Amino acid sequence: MTAHRLLAGSRLVVEDGGGNHGISLSGNTCLDRYLADYLADGRLPRQGGTAGTADAVCERSPDPEPPADKAAPTASRGADLHRLVGFRG
């Protein structure tokens, strides 16, 4: 939150109860929507109330569970955003 306070005009989007700053493209559609909107056309969430508070809060995603079988997943839930940002995995 310190960086958010120091960067005029910045926006802060958080996952409720989240503790990791690297959760984009991990299946939280709310977070991914904010990222996709920004990358697609520069849209930002509305600025929140007081300085240093989040401008948008997304519901926390459930903790991941290992797949029941060893088969590879057919598609990543963040595949659309990966294509948007040119991810080469």
N, C-alpha and C. Protein backbone atom coordinates (compact mmCIF):
# COMPACT_ATOMS: atom_id res chain seq x y z
N MET A 1 0.80 -1.18 0.00
CA MET A 1 0.00 0.00 0.00
C MET A 1 0.86 1.26 0.00
N THR A 2 2.09 1.13 0.43
CA THR A 2 2.96 2.30 0.43
C THR A 2 3.17 2.81 -0.98
N ALA A 3 3.42 1.90 -1.92
CA ALA A 3 3.61 2.33 -3.31
C ALA A 3 2.36 3.01 -3.84
N HIS A 4 1.20 2.49 -3.49
CA HIS A 4 -0.07 3.08 -3.93
C HIS A 4 -0.20 4.51 -3.41
N ARG A 5 0.17 4.73 -2.16
CA ARG A 5 0.11 6.08 -1.59
C ARG A 5 1.09 7.02 -2.29
N LEU A 6 2.26 6.51 -2.65
CA LEU A 6 3.31 7.35 -3.24
C LEU A 6 3.10 7.64 -4.72
N LEU A 7 2.38 6.79 -5.42
CA LEU A 7 2.19 6.94 -6.87
C LEU A 7 0.86 7.64 -7.14
N ALA A 8 0.94 8.93 -7.40
CA ALA A 8 -0.28 9.70 -7.68
C ALA A 8 -1.03 9.11 -8.86
N GLY A 9 -2.33 8.97 -8.72
CA GLY A 9 -3.17 8.46 -9.80
C GLY A 9 -3.17 6.95 -9.93
N SER A 10 -2.43 6.25 -9.06
CA SER A 10 -2.40 4.79 -9.14
C SER A 10 -3.70 4.21 -8.63
N ARG A 11 -3.94 2.95 -8.96
CA ARG A 11 -5.09 2.21 -8.46
C ARG A 11 -4.59 0.93 -7.82
N LEU A 12 -5.28 0.51 -6.78
CA LEU A 12 -4.92 -0.71 -6.08
C LEU A 12 -6.11 -1.66 -6.09
N VAL A 13 -5.90 -2.83 -6.66
CA VAL A 13 -6.92 -3.88 -6.70
C VAL A 13 -6.37 -5.05 -5.90
N VAL A 14 -7.14 -5.52 -4.93
CA VAL A 14 -6.67 -6.60 -4.06
C VAL A 14 -7.67 -7.74 -4.01
N GLU A 15 -7.17 -8.89 -3.60
CA GLU A 15 -8.01 -10.04 -3.33
C GLU A 15 -8.26 -10.04 -1.83
N ASP A 16 -9.52 -10.10 -1.41
CA ASP A 16 -9.88 -10.07 -0.01
C ASP A 16 -9.14 -11.17 0.74
N GLY A 17 -8.33 -10.79 1.71
CA GLY A 17 -7.59 -11.77 2.50
C GLY A 17 -6.37 -12.32 1.79
N GLY A 18 -6.09 -11.85 0.58
CA GLY A 18 -4.94 -12.34 -0.17
C GLY A 18 -3.64 -11.80 0.42
N GLY A 19 -2.58 -12.53 0.23
CA GLY A 19 -1.31 -12.08 0.76
C GLY A 19 -0.20 -12.11 -0.28
N ASN A 20 -0.54 -12.43 -1.49
CA ASN A 20 0.47 -12.58 -2.54
C ASN A 20 0.25 -11.50 -3.59
N HIS A 21 1.28 -10.78 -3.93
CA HIS A 21 1.14 -9.72 -4.92
C HIS A 21 1.15 -10.25 -6.36
N GLY A 22 1.39 -11.51 -6.56
CA GLY A 22 1.47 -12.07 -7.90
C GLY A 22 0.35 -13.03 -8.21
N ILE A 23 -0.91 -12.61 -8.06
CA ILE A 23 -2.02 -13.54 -8.25
C ILE A 23 -2.80 -13.31 -9.53
N SER A 24 -2.39 -12.35 -10.34
CA SER A 24 -3.07 -12.15 -11.62
C SER A 24 -2.85 -13.38 -12.49
N LEU A 25 -3.79 -13.65 -13.36
CA LEU A 25 -3.73 -14.78 -14.28
C LEU A 25 -3.68 -16.12 -13.56
N SER A 26 -4.31 -16.17 -12.38
CA SER A 26 -4.33 -17.41 -11.62
C SER A 26 -5.74 -17.95 -11.44
N GLY A 27 -6.69 -17.44 -12.23
CA GLY A 27 -8.04 -17.97 -12.19
C GLY A 27 -9.05 -17.13 -11.45
N ASN A 28 -8.65 -16.01 -10.83
CA ASN A 28 -9.62 -15.14 -10.17
C ASN A 28 -10.18 -14.21 -11.25
N THR A 29 -11.39 -14.48 -11.70
CA THR A 29 -11.95 -13.73 -12.83
C THR A 29 -12.13 -12.25 -12.52
N CYS A 30 -12.38 -11.91 -11.27
CA CYS A 30 -12.52 -10.50 -10.90
C CYS A 30 -11.19 -9.77 -11.09
N LEU A 31 -10.10 -10.32 -10.55
CA LEU A 31 -8.79 -9.71 -10.71
C LEU A 31 -8.38 -9.67 -12.18
N ASP A 32 -8.59 -10.78 -12.87
CA ASP A 32 -8.21 -10.86 -14.28
C ASP A 32 -8.98 -9.85 -15.13
N ARG A 33 -10.25 -9.57 -14.76
CA ARG A 33 -11.05 -8.60 -15.50
C ARG A 33 -10.44 -7.20 -15.38
N TYR A 34 -10.02 -6.82 -14.18
CA TYR A 34 -9.38 -5.51 -14.01
C TYR A 34 -8.11 -5.42 -14.83
N LEU A 35 -7.31 -6.47 -14.83
CA LEU A 35 -6.08 -6.47 -15.62
C LEU A 35 -6.38 -6.41 -17.11
N ALA A 36 -7.32 -7.21 -17.57
CA ALA A 36 -7.68 -7.22 -19.00
C ALA A 36 -8.22 -5.87 -19.44
N ASP A 37 -9.07 -5.24 -18.62
CA ASP A 37 -9.60 -3.93 -18.96
C ASP A 37 -8.48 -2.91 -19.12
N TYR A 38 -7.53 -2.94 -18.21
CA TYR A 38 -6.42 -2.00 -18.27
C TYR A 38 -5.55 -2.25 -19.51
N LEU A 39 -5.23 -3.50 -19.76
CA LEU A 39 -4.38 -3.82 -20.90
C LEU A 39 -5.08 -3.57 -22.24
N ALA A 40 -6.37 -3.80 -22.28
CA ALA A 40 -7.12 -3.66 -23.53
C ALA A 40 -7.31 -2.20 -23.92
N ASP A 41 -7.68 -1.35 -22.96
CA ASP A 41 -7.96 0.04 -23.35
C ASP A 41 -7.65 1.07 -22.26
N GLY A 42 -6.87 0.69 -21.27
CA GLY A 42 -6.45 1.64 -20.25
C GLY A 42 -7.47 1.94 -19.17
N ARG A 43 -8.60 1.19 -19.16
CA ARG A 43 -9.63 1.42 -18.14
C ARG A 43 -9.11 1.10 -16.75
N LEU A 44 -9.37 2.00 -15.80
CA LEU A 44 -8.97 1.82 -14.41
C LEU A 44 -10.20 1.71 -13.53
N PRO A 45 -10.08 1.02 -12.38
CA PRO A 45 -11.20 1.03 -11.44
C PRO A 45 -11.35 2.44 -10.87
N ARG A 46 -12.55 2.74 -10.39
CA ARG A 46 -12.76 4.03 -9.74
C ARG A 46 -11.81 4.18 -8.57
N GLN A 47 -11.35 5.40 -8.36
CA GLN A 47 -10.48 5.65 -7.23
C GLN A 47 -11.27 5.49 -5.94
N GLY A 48 -10.68 4.81 -4.96
CA GLY A 48 -11.34 4.55 -3.69
C GLY A 48 -11.39 5.76 -2.79
N GLY A 49 -11.72 5.53 -1.55
CA GLY A 49 -11.88 6.61 -0.58
C GLY A 49 -10.57 7.25 -0.16
N THR A 50 -10.04 6.83 0.97
CA THR A 50 -8.87 7.47 1.53
C THR A 50 -7.59 6.94 0.91
N ALA A 51 -6.55 7.75 0.97
CA ALA A 51 -5.25 7.35 0.41
C ALA A 51 -4.77 6.08 1.09
N GLY A 52 -4.24 5.18 0.30
CA GLY A 52 -3.69 3.95 0.84
C GLY A 52 -4.67 2.81 0.99
N THR A 53 -5.94 3.04 0.64
CA THR A 53 -6.91 1.94 0.70
C THR A 53 -7.13 1.40 -0.71
N ALA A 54 -7.61 0.19 -0.78
CA ALA A 54 -7.83 -0.44 -2.08
C ALA A 54 -8.94 0.27 -2.84
N ASP A 55 -8.76 0.38 -4.15
CA ASP A 55 -9.78 0.96 -5.02
C ASP A 55 -10.81 -0.10 -5.43
N ALA A 56 -10.41 -1.35 -5.43
CA ALA A 56 -11.31 -2.46 -5.75
C ALA A 56 -10.86 -3.68 -4.96
N VAL A 57 -11.83 -4.42 -4.45
CA VAL A 57 -11.55 -5.64 -3.69
C VAL A 57 -12.30 -6.78 -4.35
N CYS A 58 -11.58 -7.82 -4.71
CA CYS A 58 -12.18 -9.01 -5.32
C CYS A 58 -12.29 -10.11 -4.27
N GLU A 59 -13.32 -10.93 -4.44
CA GLU A 59 -13.51 -12.06 -3.54
C GLU A 59 -12.32 -13.01 -3.65
N ARG A 60 -11.94 -13.56 -2.54
CA ARG A 60 -10.81 -14.48 -2.51
C ARG A 60 -11.16 -15.78 -3.23
N SER A 61 -10.24 -16.25 -4.03
CA SER A 61 -10.41 -17.53 -4.71
C SER A 61 -10.20 -18.66 -3.71
N PRO A 62 -10.87 -19.78 -3.91
CA PRO A 62 -10.60 -20.92 -3.02
C PRO A 62 -9.18 -21.42 -3.23
N ASP A 63 -8.63 -22.01 -2.19
CA ASP A 63 -7.29 -22.59 -2.32
C ASP A 63 -7.32 -23.67 -3.40
N PRO A 64 -6.26 -23.78 -4.18
CA PRO A 64 -6.25 -24.78 -5.24
C PRO A 64 -6.20 -26.19 -4.67
N GLU A 65 -6.78 -27.11 -5.41
CA GLU A 65 -6.73 -28.52 -5.04
C GLU A 65 -6.04 -29.27 -6.17
N PRO A 66 -5.22 -30.23 -5.83
CA PRO A 66 -4.55 -30.99 -6.88
C PRO A 66 -5.57 -31.77 -7.70
N PRO A 67 -5.29 -31.96 -8.99
CA PRO A 67 -6.23 -32.73 -9.82
C PRO A 67 -6.31 -34.17 -9.33
N ALA A 68 -7.48 -34.78 -9.54
CA ALA A 68 -7.71 -36.15 -9.10
C ALA A 68 -6.87 -37.14 -9.91
N ASP A 69 -6.63 -36.80 -11.17
CA ASP A 69 -5.81 -37.69 -11.99
C ASP A 69 -4.57 -36.91 -12.45
N LYS A 70 -3.67 -37.60 -13.08
CA LYS A 70 -2.41 -37.00 -13.51
C LYS A 70 -2.49 -36.39 -14.90
N ALA A 71 -3.67 -36.40 -15.52
CA ALA A 71 -3.82 -35.87 -16.87
C ALA A 71 -3.55 -34.37 -16.88
N ALA A 72 -2.95 -33.90 -17.94
CA ALA A 72 -2.66 -32.47 -18.08
C ALA A 72 -3.97 -31.71 -18.30
N PRO A 73 -4.07 -30.50 -17.74
CA PRO A 73 -5.28 -29.71 -17.97
C PRO A 73 -5.42 -29.36 -19.45
N THR A 74 -6.66 -29.23 -19.91
CA THR A 74 -6.89 -28.94 -21.33
C THR A 74 -6.65 -27.48 -21.66
N ALA A 75 -6.93 -26.57 -20.74
CA ALA A 75 -6.73 -25.14 -21.01
C ALA A 75 -6.56 -24.40 -19.70
N SER A 76 -5.71 -23.41 -19.72
CA SER A 76 -5.51 -22.56 -18.56
C SER A 76 -6.68 -21.61 -18.41
N ARG A 77 -7.11 -21.36 -17.17
CA ARG A 77 -8.20 -20.41 -16.97
C ARG A 77 -7.77 -18.99 -17.32
N GLY A 78 -6.48 -18.73 -17.35
CA GLY A 78 -5.99 -17.41 -17.72
C GLY A 78 -5.55 -17.34 -19.17
N ALA A 79 -5.94 -18.33 -19.98
CA ALA A 79 -5.46 -18.42 -21.35
C ALA A 79 -5.77 -17.17 -22.18
N ASP A 80 -6.97 -16.61 -22.03
CA ASP A 80 -7.31 -15.41 -22.80
C ASP A 80 -6.38 -14.26 -22.45
N LEU A 81 -6.12 -14.06 -21.18
CA LEU A 81 -5.22 -12.97 -20.78
C LEU A 81 -3.79 -13.26 -21.19
N HIS A 82 -3.37 -14.50 -21.12
CA HIS A 82 -2.03 -14.84 -21.58
C HIS A 82 -1.86 -14.46 -23.05
N ARG A 83 -2.88 -14.73 -23.85
CA ARG A 83 -2.80 -14.36 -25.27
C ARG A 83 -2.77 -12.83 -25.42
N LEU A 84 -3.54 -12.13 -24.59
CA LEU A 84 -3.59 -10.68 -24.66
C LEU A 84 -2.23 -10.05 -24.37
N VAL A 85 -1.50 -10.59 -23.41
CA VAL A 85 -0.22 -10.00 -23.05
C VAL A 85 0.95 -10.66 -23.79
N GLY A 86 0.65 -11.62 -24.66
CA GLY A 86 1.70 -12.24 -25.45
C GLY A 86 2.52 -13.26 -24.69
N PHE A 87 1.92 -13.91 -23.69
CA PHE A 87 2.61 -14.92 -22.90
C PHE A 87 3.03 -16.09 -23.77
N ARG A 88 4.26 -16.51 -23.63
CA ARG A 88 4.76 -17.67 -24.36
C ARG A 88 5.20 -18.71 -23.33
N GLY A 89 4.34 -19.68 -23.06
CA GLY A 89 4.65 -20.66 -22.00
C GLY A 89 4.99 -22.00 -22.50
